[in-house]
């Protein structure tokens, strides 16, 4: 039986202060197969290499993100369709990463506007969105990498809308935030954009 190789494909997320929604990074492939087509950053897992290290390597090499700008990284799920790669059986372990501000050549696109991607990367993105939506407000490493140590309520709305694909009910979202251990609503109110109303600010009270 032909042995499978293992690739690590990363859904790298950007949500900077000036961004209105979460975007994910893609870049044209340099080599066959699918030369020139957009794809998620991915690398083959090296011998003895940990998944997080491979994911960071992929984001740096394929999206041009400096290592210092790569924040939290985690695992999503595995894709084992035998024909997903025309070169032969390849097991793909999908990871997520959150990247901070930097200058790089990658193209950043919202979940609702993902173009056709190489391999089965559209399927990976679709599955990842649901997985990331389930992590939001539950996995604090993931959540804080996106929100920072404090954030206005409008940021929480934008994050939930981007990952769930629908605008959250404000009362339900407030209850969700209030139930998070180590997260408190402050007395501060902050206007995020010139046209917006001042919004309540939430802050994590514990260090990461």
N, C-alpha and C. Protein backbone atom coordinates (compact mmCIF):
# COMPACT_ATOMS: atom_id res chain seq x y z
N UNK A 1 0.85 -1.20 0.00
CA UNK A 1 0.00 0.00 0.00
C UNK A 1 0.88 1.24 0.00
N UNK A 2 0.51 2.22 -0.83
CA UNK A 2 1.29 3.46 -0.91
C UNK A 2 1.14 4.26 0.37
N UNK A 3 2.27 4.71 0.90
CA UNK A 3 2.26 5.46 2.15
C UNK A 3 1.84 6.91 1.90
N UNK A 4 1.04 7.45 2.81
CA UNK A 4 0.65 8.85 2.73
C UNK A 4 1.73 9.73 3.35
N UNK A 5 1.86 10.94 2.82
CA UNK A 5 2.67 11.95 3.48
C UNK A 5 1.73 12.88 4.23
N UNK A 6 2.28 13.67 5.15
CA UNK A 6 1.46 14.53 5.99
C UNK A 6 1.77 15.99 5.67
N UNK A 7 0.72 16.73 5.32
CA UNK A 7 0.88 18.17 5.11
C UNK A 7 0.19 18.90 6.26
N UNK A 8 0.66 20.11 6.51
CA UNK A 8 0.05 20.99 7.51
C UNK A 8 -0.42 22.22 6.77
N UNK A 9 -1.74 22.41 6.73
CA UNK A 9 -2.35 23.54 6.02
C UNK A 9 -2.99 24.47 7.05
N UNK A 10 -2.75 25.76 6.90
CA UNK A 10 -3.08 26.70 7.97
C UNK A 10 -4.12 27.72 7.53
N UNK A 11 -5.15 27.87 8.36
CA UNK A 11 -6.09 28.97 8.21
C UNK A 11 -5.56 30.09 9.10
N UNK A 12 -4.83 31.02 8.48
CA UNK A 12 -4.21 32.12 9.21
C UNK A 12 -5.17 33.30 9.24
N UNK A 13 -5.46 33.78 10.41
CA UNK A 13 -6.47 34.82 10.60
C UNK A 13 -5.85 36.16 10.93
N UNK A 14 -6.43 37.18 10.35
CA UNK A 14 -6.03 38.57 10.64
C UNK A 14 -7.27 39.32 11.14
N UNK A 15 -7.11 40.04 12.26
CA UNK A 15 -8.18 40.91 12.75
C UNK A 15 -7.51 42.06 13.49
N UNK A 16 -7.02 43.02 12.71
CA UNK A 16 -6.29 44.14 13.27
C UNK A 16 -7.25 45.25 13.68
N UNK A 17 -6.74 46.24 14.36
CA UNK A 17 -7.59 47.28 14.95
C UNK A 17 -8.45 47.98 13.90
N UNK A 18 -7.91 48.21 12.72
CA UNK A 18 -8.67 48.92 11.69
C UNK A 18 -9.55 48.00 10.84
N UNK A 19 -9.45 46.70 11.04
CA UNK A 19 -10.23 45.75 10.24
C UNK A 19 -11.68 45.72 10.70
N UNK A 20 -12.59 45.57 9.74
CA UNK A 20 -14.01 45.50 10.08
C UNK A 20 -14.50 44.06 10.18
N UNK A 21 -13.68 43.11 9.78
CA UNK A 21 -14.06 41.71 9.89
C UNK A 21 -12.80 40.86 9.94
N UNK A 22 -12.97 39.60 10.25
CA UNK A 22 -11.86 38.65 10.24
C UNK A 22 -11.56 38.25 8.80
N UNK A 23 -10.28 38.21 8.45
CA UNK A 23 -9.90 37.74 7.12
C UNK A 23 -8.88 36.61 7.26
N UNK A 24 -8.74 35.82 6.20
CA UNK A 24 -7.77 34.72 6.20
C UNK A 24 -6.79 34.91 5.05
N UNK A 25 -5.58 34.41 5.25
CA UNK A 25 -4.51 34.66 4.29
C UNK A 25 -4.36 33.55 3.26
N UNK A 26 -4.23 33.95 2.00
CA UNK A 26 -3.95 33.02 0.92
C UNK A 26 -2.85 33.63 0.05
N UNK A 27 -2.21 32.80 -0.74
CA UNK A 27 -1.14 33.26 -1.62
C UNK A 27 -1.04 32.34 -2.82
N UNK A 28 -0.56 32.83 -3.96
CA UNK A 28 -0.40 31.96 -5.13
C UNK A 28 0.67 30.89 -4.88
N UNK A 29 0.42 29.70 -5.40
CA UNK A 29 1.40 28.63 -5.28
C UNK A 29 2.55 28.86 -6.25
N UNK A 30 3.76 28.59 -5.78
CA UNK A 30 4.94 28.78 -6.62
C UNK A 30 5.24 27.55 -7.48
N UNK A 31 4.83 26.38 -7.03
CA UNK A 31 5.24 25.15 -7.70
C UNK A 31 4.03 24.30 -8.07
N UNK A 32 4.27 23.31 -8.91
CA UNK A 32 3.24 22.33 -9.26
C UNK A 32 2.96 21.44 -8.04
N UNK A 33 1.72 20.95 -7.94
CA UNK A 33 0.59 21.22 -8.82
C UNK A 33 -0.07 22.57 -8.50
N UNK A 34 -0.92 23.02 -9.40
CA UNK A 34 -1.71 24.24 -9.22
C UNK A 34 -0.85 25.50 -9.16
N UNK A 35 0.23 25.53 -9.92
CA UNK A 35 1.10 26.71 -9.93
C UNK A 35 0.29 27.97 -10.24
N UNK A 36 0.49 29.00 -9.44
CA UNK A 36 -0.19 30.28 -9.64
C UNK A 36 -1.56 30.37 -9.04
N UNK A 37 -2.15 29.25 -8.63
CA UNK A 37 -3.48 29.29 -8.02
C UNK A 37 -3.37 29.64 -6.53
N UNK A 38 -4.40 30.30 -6.04
CA UNK A 38 -4.42 30.68 -4.63
C UNK A 38 -4.58 29.44 -3.75
N UNK A 39 -3.93 29.47 -2.60
CA UNK A 39 -4.01 28.34 -1.67
C UNK A 39 -3.74 28.84 -0.25
N UNK A 40 -4.19 28.05 0.70
CA UNK A 40 -3.80 28.29 2.09
C UNK A 40 -2.30 28.03 2.23
N UNK A 41 -1.66 28.65 3.19
CA UNK A 41 -0.25 28.32 3.43
C UNK A 41 -0.13 26.90 3.96
N UNK A 42 0.74 26.13 3.35
CA UNK A 42 0.91 24.74 3.78
C UNK A 42 2.32 24.25 3.52
N UNK A 43 2.77 23.31 4.33
CA UNK A 43 4.08 22.67 4.17
C UNK A 43 3.94 21.20 4.51
N UNK A 44 4.88 20.40 4.04
CA UNK A 44 4.95 19.01 4.47
C UNK A 44 5.58 18.95 5.85
N UNK A 45 5.03 18.13 6.69
CA UNK A 45 5.54 17.99 8.06
C UNK A 45 6.90 17.33 8.03
N UNK A 46 7.89 17.99 8.62
CA UNK A 46 9.24 17.45 8.64
C UNK A 46 9.38 16.34 9.67
N UNK A 47 10.39 15.52 9.46
CA UNK A 47 10.66 14.44 10.41
C UNK A 47 11.00 15.02 11.78
N UNK A 48 10.26 14.61 12.80
CA UNK A 48 10.49 15.10 14.15
C UNK A 48 9.93 16.49 14.42
N UNK A 49 9.22 17.06 13.46
CA UNK A 49 8.69 18.42 13.62
C UNK A 49 7.32 18.39 14.29
N UNK A 50 7.09 19.32 15.20
CA UNK A 50 5.79 19.43 15.84
C UNK A 50 4.84 20.20 14.93
N UNK A 51 3.52 19.95 15.10
CA UNK A 51 2.52 20.57 14.25
C UNK A 51 2.55 22.10 14.35
N UNK A 52 2.68 22.62 15.56
CA UNK A 52 2.69 24.07 15.73
C UNK A 52 3.89 24.69 15.02
N UNK A 53 5.04 24.03 15.10
CA UNK A 53 6.23 24.54 14.42
C UNK A 53 6.04 24.54 12.92
N UNK A 54 5.44 23.47 12.40
CA UNK A 54 5.18 23.40 10.95
C UNK A 54 4.20 24.47 10.53
N UNK A 55 3.17 24.71 11.34
CA UNK A 55 2.19 25.74 11.00
C UNK A 55 2.84 27.12 10.97
N UNK A 56 3.67 27.41 11.93
CA UNK A 56 4.36 28.70 11.96
C UNK A 56 5.29 28.84 10.75
N UNK A 57 5.94 27.75 10.39
CA UNK A 57 6.83 27.76 9.22
C UNK A 57 6.04 28.04 7.95
N UNK A 58 4.86 27.43 7.83
CA UNK A 58 4.03 27.63 6.65
C UNK A 58 3.58 29.08 6.53
N UNK A 59 3.12 29.66 7.63
CA UNK A 59 2.64 31.04 7.61
C UNK A 59 3.77 32.01 7.27
N UNK A 60 4.93 31.74 7.81
CA UNK A 60 6.08 32.60 7.52
C UNK A 60 6.53 32.46 6.07
N UNK A 61 6.67 31.22 5.60
CA UNK A 61 7.21 30.98 4.26
C UNK A 61 6.24 31.34 3.16
N UNK A 62 4.96 31.06 3.34
CA UNK A 62 4.00 31.22 2.25
C UNK A 62 3.27 32.57 2.27
N UNK A 63 3.10 33.15 3.45
CA UNK A 63 2.39 34.43 3.54
C UNK A 63 3.32 35.60 3.82
N UNK A 64 4.58 35.32 4.12
CA UNK A 64 5.53 36.38 4.41
C UNK A 64 5.31 37.04 5.76
N UNK A 65 4.71 36.33 6.70
CA UNK A 65 4.47 36.89 8.03
C UNK A 65 5.70 36.65 8.90
N UNK A 66 6.30 37.68 9.47
CA UNK A 66 7.44 37.47 10.36
C UNK A 66 7.04 36.60 11.55
N UNK A 67 7.96 35.79 12.00
CA UNK A 67 7.63 34.87 13.09
C UNK A 67 7.13 35.62 14.33
N UNK A 68 7.69 36.80 14.56
CA UNK A 68 7.30 37.57 15.74
C UNK A 68 5.85 38.02 15.66
N UNK A 69 5.27 38.09 14.45
CA UNK A 69 3.88 38.53 14.28
C UNK A 69 2.90 37.37 14.31
N UNK A 70 3.39 36.14 14.43
CA UNK A 70 2.50 34.96 14.51
C UNK A 70 2.18 34.72 15.97
N UNK A 71 0.90 34.87 16.33
CA UNK A 71 0.50 34.71 17.72
C UNK A 71 0.13 33.28 18.05
N UNK A 72 -1.05 33.11 18.60
CA UNK A 72 -1.50 31.78 19.00
C UNK A 72 -1.71 30.89 17.78
N UNK A 73 -1.44 29.59 17.97
CA UNK A 73 -1.59 28.58 16.92
C UNK A 73 -2.26 27.36 17.53
N UNK A 74 -3.16 26.73 16.79
CA UNK A 74 -3.83 25.54 17.31
C UNK A 74 -4.28 24.62 16.19
N UNK A 75 -4.77 23.44 16.58
CA UNK A 75 -5.16 22.41 15.62
C UNK A 75 -6.67 22.40 15.42
N UNK A 76 -7.08 22.16 14.17
CA UNK A 76 -8.50 22.08 13.85
C UNK A 76 -8.92 20.63 13.62
N UNK A 77 -8.71 20.10 12.41
CA UNK A 77 -9.09 18.72 12.13
C UNK A 77 -8.23 18.16 11.01
N UNK A 78 -8.44 16.88 10.71
CA UNK A 78 -7.64 16.18 9.71
C UNK A 78 -8.50 15.85 8.50
N UNK A 79 -7.91 16.01 7.32
CA UNK A 79 -8.58 15.71 6.06
C UNK A 79 -7.83 14.57 5.38
N UNK A 80 -8.55 13.46 5.15
CA UNK A 80 -7.87 12.24 4.71
C UNK A 80 -8.39 11.69 3.39
N UNK A 81 -9.06 12.54 2.57
CA UNK A 81 -9.54 12.06 1.28
C UNK A 81 -8.33 11.63 0.45
N UNK A 82 -8.27 10.38 -0.03
CA UNK A 82 -7.05 9.85 -0.66
C UNK A 82 -6.62 10.60 -1.92
N UNK A 83 -7.57 11.23 -2.62
CA UNK A 83 -7.24 11.89 -3.89
C UNK A 83 -7.18 13.41 -3.78
N UNK A 84 -7.01 13.92 -2.58
CA UNK A 84 -7.00 15.38 -2.39
C UNK A 84 -5.77 16.04 -3.01
N UNK A 85 -4.71 15.27 -3.26
CA UNK A 85 -3.49 15.80 -3.83
C UNK A 85 -3.13 14.95 -5.05
N UNK A 86 -3.01 15.54 -6.26
CA UNK A 86 -2.72 14.75 -7.45
C UNK A 86 -1.35 14.07 -7.43
N UNK A 87 -0.48 14.48 -6.50
CA UNK A 87 0.84 13.85 -6.44
C UNK A 87 0.81 12.51 -5.72
N UNK A 88 -0.27 12.23 -5.00
CA UNK A 88 -0.37 10.99 -4.27
C UNK A 88 -1.06 11.21 -2.94
N UNK A 89 -1.28 10.13 -2.18
CA UNK A 89 -2.00 10.24 -0.91
C UNK A 89 -1.31 11.22 0.05
N UNK A 90 -2.06 12.21 0.48
CA UNK A 90 -1.53 13.20 1.41
C UNK A 90 -2.56 13.47 2.49
N UNK A 91 -2.18 13.25 3.71
CA UNK A 91 -3.02 13.53 4.87
C UNK A 91 -2.81 14.99 5.25
N UNK A 92 -3.88 15.77 5.31
CA UNK A 92 -3.75 17.18 5.67
C UNK A 92 -4.26 17.40 7.09
N UNK A 93 -3.40 17.98 7.93
CA UNK A 93 -3.80 18.39 9.26
C UNK A 93 -4.00 19.90 9.21
N UNK A 94 -5.23 20.33 9.39
CA UNK A 94 -5.56 21.75 9.32
C UNK A 94 -5.31 22.40 10.68
N UNK A 95 -4.64 23.53 10.64
CA UNK A 95 -4.32 24.30 11.84
C UNK A 95 -4.89 25.71 11.69
N UNK A 96 -4.98 26.42 12.81
CA UNK A 96 -5.31 27.84 12.77
C UNK A 96 -4.16 28.63 13.36
N UNK A 97 -4.04 29.87 12.93
CA UNK A 97 -3.05 30.78 13.50
C UNK A 97 -3.62 32.19 13.44
N UNK A 98 -3.29 32.99 14.43
CA UNK A 98 -3.70 34.40 14.44
C UNK A 98 -2.44 35.24 14.28
N UNK A 99 -2.46 36.16 13.32
CA UNK A 99 -1.28 36.96 13.05
C UNK A 99 -1.54 38.43 13.39
N UNK A 100 -0.49 39.07 13.88
CA UNK A 100 -0.57 40.48 14.24
C UNK A 100 -0.10 41.37 13.12
N UNK A 101 -0.15 42.69 13.33
CA UNK A 101 0.21 43.64 12.27
C UNK A 101 1.63 43.43 11.75
N UNK A 102 1.76 43.52 10.44
CA UNK A 102 3.05 43.36 9.75
C UNK A 102 2.85 43.82 8.31
N UNK A 103 3.93 43.90 7.58
CA UNK A 103 3.87 44.20 6.16
C UNK A 103 4.26 42.93 5.41
N UNK A 104 3.40 42.46 4.50
CA UNK A 104 3.68 41.25 3.76
C UNK A 104 2.88 41.17 2.48
N UNK A 105 3.19 40.22 1.60
CA UNK A 105 2.56 40.15 0.29
C UNK A 105 1.27 39.34 0.23
N UNK A 106 0.84 38.76 1.33
CA UNK A 106 -0.32 37.86 1.30
C UNK A 106 -1.60 38.62 0.94
N UNK A 107 -2.55 37.88 0.42
CA UNK A 107 -3.89 38.42 0.14
C UNK A 107 -4.79 37.98 1.29
N UNK A 108 -5.52 38.92 1.87
CA UNK A 108 -6.38 38.64 3.02
C UNK A 108 -7.84 38.82 2.60
N UNK A 109 -8.63 37.79 2.80
CA UNK A 109 -10.01 37.79 2.29
C UNK A 109 -10.98 37.33 3.39
N UNK A 110 -12.18 37.90 3.41
CA UNK A 110 -13.18 37.47 4.40
C UNK A 110 -13.74 36.09 4.06
N UNK A 111 -14.28 35.44 5.06
CA UNK A 111 -14.82 34.09 4.88
C UNK A 111 -15.93 34.06 3.83
N UNK A 112 -16.69 35.13 3.71
CA UNK A 112 -17.81 35.15 2.77
C UNK A 112 -17.39 35.46 1.34
N UNK A 113 -16.11 35.65 1.10
CA UNK A 113 -15.65 35.99 -0.25
C UNK A 113 -14.44 35.15 -0.66
N UNK A 114 -14.35 33.93 -0.17
CA UNK A 114 -13.21 33.07 -0.49
C UNK A 114 -13.32 32.60 -1.95
N UNK A 115 -12.31 32.85 -2.78
CA UNK A 115 -12.36 32.41 -4.18
C UNK A 115 -12.02 30.92 -4.27
N UNK A 116 -12.10 30.33 -5.46
CA UNK A 116 -11.66 28.93 -5.62
C UNK A 116 -10.18 28.79 -5.23
N UNK A 117 -9.90 27.80 -4.42
CA UNK A 117 -8.55 27.56 -3.94
C UNK A 117 -8.05 26.21 -4.44
N UNK A 118 -6.74 26.03 -4.42
CA UNK A 118 -6.12 24.78 -4.85
C UNK A 118 -6.45 23.64 -3.87
N UNK A 119 -6.22 22.42 -4.36
CA UNK A 119 -6.46 21.21 -3.56
C UNK A 119 -7.90 21.21 -3.04
N UNK A 120 -8.07 20.82 -1.78
CA UNK A 120 -9.39 20.85 -1.15
C UNK A 120 -9.47 21.99 -0.14
N UNK A 121 -8.74 23.07 -0.42
CA UNK A 121 -8.62 24.14 0.57
C UNK A 121 -9.93 24.87 0.81
N UNK A 122 -10.84 24.90 -0.16
CA UNK A 122 -12.16 25.49 0.12
C UNK A 122 -12.91 24.67 1.15
N UNK A 123 -12.80 23.36 1.04
CA UNK A 123 -13.43 22.48 2.03
C UNK A 123 -12.81 22.71 3.41
N UNK A 124 -11.49 22.87 3.45
CA UNK A 124 -10.82 23.12 4.73
C UNK A 124 -11.31 24.43 5.33
N UNK A 125 -11.43 25.48 4.50
CA UNK A 125 -11.90 26.77 5.01
C UNK A 125 -13.32 26.66 5.55
N UNK A 126 -14.19 25.97 4.82
CA UNK A 126 -15.58 25.83 5.28
C UNK A 126 -15.65 25.12 6.63
N UNK A 127 -14.88 24.03 6.75
CA UNK A 127 -14.87 23.29 8.02
C UNK A 127 -14.23 24.11 9.13
N UNK A 128 -13.18 24.84 8.78
CA UNK A 128 -12.47 25.64 9.77
C UNK A 128 -13.36 26.73 10.35
N UNK A 129 -14.18 27.33 9.50
CA UNK A 129 -15.04 28.41 9.99
C UNK A 129 -15.94 27.91 11.12
N UNK A 130 -16.55 26.75 10.92
CA UNK A 130 -17.39 26.20 11.97
C UNK A 130 -16.60 25.87 13.22
N UNK A 131 -15.41 25.30 13.04
CA UNK A 131 -14.58 24.96 14.19
C UNK A 131 -14.13 26.19 14.95
N UNK A 132 -13.76 27.23 14.23
CA UNK A 132 -13.32 28.47 14.88
C UNK A 132 -14.47 29.16 15.58
N UNK A 133 -15.66 29.09 15.01
CA UNK A 133 -16.84 29.66 15.67
C UNK A 133 -17.09 28.98 17.01
N UNK A 134 -16.84 27.68 17.05
CA UNK A 134 -17.03 26.95 18.32
C UNK A 134 -15.95 27.30 19.34
N UNK A 135 -14.77 27.67 18.87
CA UNK A 135 -13.68 28.05 19.78
C UNK A 135 -13.86 29.45 20.36
N UNK A 136 -14.48 30.34 19.57
CA UNK A 136 -14.62 31.72 20.00
C UNK A 136 -15.39 31.81 21.31
N UNK A 137 -14.83 32.54 22.27
CA UNK A 137 -15.35 32.76 23.62
C UNK A 137 -15.20 31.54 24.52
N UNK A 138 -14.69 30.42 23.98
CA UNK A 138 -14.44 29.23 24.82
C UNK A 138 -12.96 28.95 24.97
N UNK A 139 -12.22 29.00 23.86
CA UNK A 139 -10.77 28.83 23.91
C UNK A 139 -10.16 30.23 24.09
N UNK A 140 -9.66 30.51 25.29
CA UNK A 140 -9.23 31.87 25.59
C UNK A 140 -7.95 32.24 24.86
N UNK A 141 -7.07 31.28 24.57
CA UNK A 141 -5.86 31.61 23.82
C UNK A 141 -6.24 32.10 22.42
N UNK A 142 -7.17 31.40 21.79
CA UNK A 142 -7.64 31.81 20.47
C UNK A 142 -8.37 33.15 20.54
N UNK A 143 -9.28 33.27 21.49
CA UNK A 143 -10.09 34.48 21.61
C UNK A 143 -9.23 35.71 21.89
N UNK A 144 -8.30 35.60 22.84
CA UNK A 144 -7.50 36.76 23.21
C UNK A 144 -6.51 37.14 22.12
N UNK A 145 -6.09 36.16 21.32
CA UNK A 145 -5.22 36.49 20.19
C UNK A 145 -5.94 37.40 19.20
N UNK A 146 -7.27 37.22 19.08
CA UNK A 146 -8.07 38.06 18.19
C UNK A 146 -8.49 39.38 18.82
N UNK A 147 -8.89 39.35 20.09
CA UNK A 147 -9.45 40.54 20.72
C UNK A 147 -8.42 41.45 21.36
N UNK A 148 -7.30 40.89 21.77
CA UNK A 148 -6.39 41.63 22.63
C UNK A 148 -6.88 41.56 24.07
N UNK A 149 -6.16 42.23 24.97
CA UNK A 149 -6.51 42.15 26.39
C UNK A 149 -7.77 42.93 26.74
N UNK A 150 -8.14 43.89 25.90
CA UNK A 150 -9.40 44.59 26.10
C UNK A 150 -9.98 44.95 24.74
N UNK A 151 -11.29 45.05 24.69
CA UNK A 151 -11.93 45.28 23.40
C UNK A 151 -13.33 45.87 23.61
N UNK A 152 -13.78 46.70 22.68
CA UNK A 152 -15.15 47.22 22.76
C UNK A 152 -16.15 46.16 22.33
N UNK A 153 -17.38 46.31 22.74
CA UNK A 153 -18.41 45.33 22.41
C UNK A 153 -18.60 45.20 20.91
N UNK A 154 -18.34 46.26 20.15
CA UNK A 154 -18.47 46.18 18.71
C UNK A 154 -17.50 45.16 18.12
N UNK A 155 -16.33 45.03 18.72
CA UNK A 155 -15.37 44.02 18.26
C UNK A 155 -15.94 42.62 18.46
N UNK A 156 -16.59 42.39 19.59
CA UNK A 156 -17.20 41.09 19.85
C UNK A 156 -18.27 40.78 18.81
N UNK A 157 -19.05 41.79 18.44
CA UNK A 157 -20.08 41.60 17.42
C UNK A 157 -19.44 41.25 16.08
N UNK A 158 -18.40 41.99 15.69
CA UNK A 158 -17.73 41.74 14.41
C UNK A 158 -17.11 40.36 14.35
N UNK A 159 -16.48 39.93 15.45
CA UNK A 159 -15.89 38.59 15.49
C UNK A 159 -16.95 37.51 15.36
N UNK A 160 -18.00 37.62 16.14
CA UNK A 160 -19.06 36.62 16.09
C UNK A 160 -19.71 36.56 14.72
N UNK A 161 -19.94 37.72 14.12
CA UNK A 161 -20.56 37.76 12.79
C UNK A 161 -19.66 37.09 11.76
N UNK A 162 -18.37 37.38 11.80
CA UNK A 162 -17.44 36.82 10.82
C UNK A 162 -17.35 35.31 10.90
N UNK A 163 -17.30 34.76 12.11
CA UNK A 163 -17.08 33.33 12.26
C UNK A 163 -18.37 32.52 12.21
N UNK A 164 -19.46 33.08 12.71
CA UNK A 164 -20.74 32.36 12.69
C UNK A 164 -21.52 32.60 11.41
N UNK A 165 -21.17 33.66 10.69
CA UNK A 165 -21.87 33.96 9.45
C UNK A 165 -23.18 34.69 9.63
N UNK A 166 -23.47 35.11 10.85
CA UNK A 166 -24.71 35.85 11.13
C UNK A 166 -24.46 36.76 12.33
N UNK A 167 -25.13 37.89 12.33
CA UNK A 167 -24.96 38.85 13.42
C UNK A 167 -25.58 38.27 14.70
N UNK A 168 -24.86 38.33 15.82
CA UNK A 168 -25.39 37.73 17.06
C UNK A 168 -26.47 38.58 17.69
N UNK A 169 -27.31 37.94 18.48
CA UNK A 169 -28.28 38.67 19.29
C UNK A 169 -27.52 39.38 20.40
N UNK A 170 -27.67 40.70 20.55
CA UNK A 170 -26.88 41.45 21.53
C UNK A 170 -27.01 40.92 22.96
N UNK A 171 -28.23 40.58 23.37
CA UNK A 171 -28.43 40.10 24.73
C UNK A 171 -27.72 38.77 24.95
N UNK A 172 -27.83 37.88 23.98
CA UNK A 172 -27.15 36.59 24.10
C UNK A 172 -25.63 36.76 24.13
N UNK A 173 -25.12 37.68 23.29
CA UNK A 173 -23.68 37.90 23.26
C UNK A 173 -23.20 38.48 24.59
N UNK A 174 -23.95 39.41 25.16
CA UNK A 174 -23.58 39.97 26.46
C UNK A 174 -23.55 38.91 27.54
N UNK A 175 -24.51 37.99 27.50
CA UNK A 175 -24.52 36.91 28.49
C UNK A 175 -23.32 35.99 28.30
N UNK A 176 -22.97 35.73 27.05
CA UNK A 176 -21.81 34.90 26.77
C UNK A 176 -20.54 35.54 27.32
N UNK A 177 -20.36 36.83 27.07
CA UNK A 177 -19.17 37.53 27.55
C UNK A 177 -19.14 37.57 29.07
N UNK A 178 -20.28 37.81 29.69
CA UNK A 178 -20.33 37.91 31.15
C UNK A 178 -20.01 36.59 31.82
N UNK A 179 -20.21 35.49 31.11
CA UNK A 179 -19.97 34.17 31.70
C UNK A 179 -18.52 33.72 31.58
N UNK A 180 -17.69 34.47 30.88
CA UNK A 180 -16.29 34.08 30.68
C UNK A 180 -15.48 34.43 31.91
N UNK A 181 -14.85 33.43 32.49
CA UNK A 181 -14.03 33.66 33.67
C UNK A 181 -12.84 34.55 33.33
N UNK A 182 -12.63 35.60 34.15
CA UNK A 182 -11.50 36.49 33.92
C UNK A 182 -11.78 37.61 32.94
N UNK A 183 -13.04 37.72 32.46
CA UNK A 183 -13.41 38.81 31.56
C UNK A 183 -14.47 39.67 32.25
N UNK A 184 -14.24 40.98 32.29
CA UNK A 184 -15.16 41.87 32.97
C UNK A 184 -15.52 43.06 32.10
N UNK A 185 -16.75 43.52 32.26
CA UNK A 185 -17.18 44.75 31.58
C UNK A 185 -16.70 45.94 32.40
N UNK A 186 -15.99 46.86 31.78
CA UNK A 186 -15.46 48.02 32.47
C UNK A 186 -16.45 49.19 32.40
N UNK A 187 -16.10 50.27 33.07
CA UNK A 187 -16.93 51.48 33.03
C UNK A 187 -16.65 52.32 31.80
N UNK A 188 -15.60 51.97 31.07
CA UNK A 188 -15.21 52.76 29.89
C UNK A 188 -16.15 52.49 28.71
N UNK A 189 -16.34 53.50 27.89
CA UNK A 189 -17.04 53.35 26.62
C UNK A 189 -16.14 53.92 25.53
N UNK A 190 -16.11 53.24 24.39
CA UNK A 190 -15.15 53.62 23.35
C UNK A 190 -15.82 53.64 21.98
N UNK A 191 -15.54 54.71 21.24
CA UNK A 191 -16.02 54.80 19.87
C UNK A 191 -14.96 54.17 18.97
N UNK A 192 -15.33 53.14 18.21
CA UNK A 192 -14.37 52.44 17.38
C UNK A 192 -14.17 53.16 16.06
N UNK A 193 -15.25 53.61 15.44
CA UNK A 193 -15.18 54.32 14.16
C UNK A 193 -15.99 55.61 14.26
N UNK A 194 -15.66 56.55 13.39
CA UNK A 194 -16.24 57.89 13.49
C UNK A 194 -17.76 57.87 13.44
N UNK A 195 -18.31 56.91 12.70
CA UNK A 195 -19.76 56.86 12.54
C UNK A 195 -20.46 56.02 13.61
N UNK A 196 -19.69 55.37 14.44
CA UNK A 196 -20.29 54.47 15.41
C UNK A 196 -20.58 55.14 16.74
N UNK A 197 -21.44 54.51 17.53
CA UNK A 197 -21.73 54.99 18.87
C UNK A 197 -20.71 54.41 19.83
N UNK A 198 -20.41 55.12 20.93
CA UNK A 198 -19.49 54.55 21.93
C UNK A 198 -20.03 53.23 22.47
N UNK A 199 -19.14 52.27 22.60
CA UNK A 199 -19.54 50.93 23.04
C UNK A 199 -18.83 50.57 24.34
N UNK A 200 -19.47 49.73 25.11
CA UNK A 200 -18.86 49.25 26.35
C UNK A 200 -17.57 48.51 26.05
N UNK A 201 -16.63 48.62 26.97
CA UNK A 201 -15.32 47.97 26.81
C UNK A 201 -15.21 46.81 27.78
N UNK A 202 -14.79 45.67 27.27
CA UNK A 202 -14.55 44.48 28.08
C UNK A 202 -13.05 44.27 28.22
N UNK A 203 -12.62 43.76 29.37
CA UNK A 203 -11.19 43.57 29.61
C UNK A 203 -10.95 42.26 30.35
N UNK A 204 -9.89 41.55 29.93
CA UNK A 204 -9.46 40.38 30.66
C UNK A 204 -8.67 40.83 31.89
N UNK A 205 -8.95 40.22 33.01
CA UNK A 205 -8.35 40.65 34.27
C UNK A 205 -7.18 39.77 34.66
N UNK A 206 -6.91 38.72 33.91
CA UNK A 206 -5.79 37.83 34.22
C UNK A 206 -4.79 37.86 33.08
N UNK A 207 -3.53 37.63 33.40
CA UNK A 207 -2.51 37.61 32.37
C UNK A 207 -2.58 36.30 31.61
N UNK A 208 -2.10 36.32 30.37
CA UNK A 208 -2.13 35.12 29.55
C UNK A 208 -1.06 34.14 29.99
